[in-house]
Amino acid sequence: MEEKLGRLTERAPDEARRIGKRVAFGVISALAVFMVRRVVEKLWERIVHELPPPKAKKLALEERRRQAAS
């Protein structure tokens, strides 16, 4: 039992490092996707001169809700 515990404590720093790397990769990936989506939205607005379809749909839904509430 002590032998098993000794091996686990030896591996703990490596496991923590691996988990840290995965978390960091996940956070960096999420930020990269967020930034790319923002850039694409800005380019869409500049080229087409209107809101991207998801934003336009969201605004239309909000407008309908306001009208229904009135």
Protein backbone atom coordinates (compact mmCIF):
# COMPACT_ATOMS: atom_id res chain seq x y z
CA MET A 1 0.00 0.00 0.00
CA GLU A 2 2.78 2.43 0.91
CA GLU A 3 4.52 1.50 -2.32
CA LYS A 4 1.43 2.42 -4.33
CA LEU A 5 1.05 5.69 -2.45
CA GLY A 6 4.70 6.50 -3.10
CA ARG A 7 4.25 6.01 -6.84
CA LEU A 8 1.15 8.18 -6.84
CA THR A 9 2.91 11.03 -5.05
CA GLU A 10 5.76 10.81 -7.55
CA ARG A 11 3.32 11.10 -10.47
CA ALA A 12 1.24 13.90 -8.94
CA PRO A 13 3.34 16.83 -10.24
CA ASP A 14 3.31 15.39 -13.77
CA GLU A 15 -0.44 14.86 -13.65
CA ALA A 16 -0.99 18.38 -12.34
CA ARG A 17 1.19 19.76 -15.15
CA ARG A 18 -0.78 17.81 -17.77
CA ILE A 19 -4.09 19.02 -16.37
CA GLY A 20 -2.77 22.59 -16.28
CA LYS A 21 -1.72 22.34 -19.92
CA ARG A 22 -5.15 21.05 -20.94
CA VAL A 23 -6.90 23.84 -19.07
CA ALA A 24 -4.59 26.45 -20.58
CA PHE A 25 -5.15 25.02 -24.07
CA GLY A 26 -8.92 25.10 -23.54
CA VAL A 27 -8.88 28.71 -22.37
CA ILE A 28 -6.60 29.83 -25.21
CA SER A 29 -8.74 27.97 -27.75
CA ALA A 30 -11.92 29.57 -26.43
CA LEU A 31 -10.36 33.04 -26.57
CA ALA A 32 -9.10 32.41 -30.11
CA VAL A 33 -12.56 31.32 -31.29
CA PHE A 34 -14.14 34.36 -29.61
CA MET A 35 -11.68 36.75 -31.25
CA VAL A 36 -12.04 35.17 -34.70
CA ARG A 37 -15.83 35.42 -34.47
CA ARG A 38 -15.55 39.10 -33.56
CA VAL A 39 -13.24 39.77 -36.52
CA VAL A 40 -15.56 37.91 -38.90
CA GLU A 41 -18.56 39.91 -37.62
CA LYS A 42 -16.69 43.20 -38.13
CA LEU A 43 -15.60 42.20 -41.64
CA TRP A 44 -19.16 41.14 -42.48
CA GLU A 45 -20.51 44.50 -41.36
CA ARG A 46 -17.91 46.38 -43.41
CA ILE A 47 -18.36 44.34 -46.58
CA VAL A 48 -22.14 43.77 -46.58
CA HIS A 49 -23.10 46.92 -44.63
CA GLU A 50 -25.59 45.07 -42.44
CA LEU A 51 -25.54 42.92 -39.34
CA PRO A 52 -24.45 39.29 -39.61
CA PRO A 53 -27.41 36.87 -39.85
CA PRO A 54 -27.25 35.61 -36.23
CA LYS A 55 -27.20 39.16 -34.85
CA ALA A 56 -29.95 40.32 -37.20
CA LYS A 57 -32.11 37.36 -36.18
CA LYS A 58 -31.50 38.08 -32.50
CA LEU A 59 -32.46 41.74 -32.94
CA ALA A 60 -35.61 40.76 -34.85
CA LEU A 61 -36.65 38.41 -32.01
CA GLU A 62 -36.08 41.12 -29.42
CA GLU A 63 -38.15 43.55 -31.46
CA ARG A 64 -41.02 41.05 -31.72
CA ARG A 65 -40.91 40.51 -27.96
CA ARG A 66 -41.09 44.26 -27.35
CA GLN A 67 -44.07 44.58 -29.68
CA ALA A 68 -45.82 41.63 -28.05
CA ALA A 69 -45.27 43.16 -24.60
CA SER A 70 -46.75 46.49 -25.68
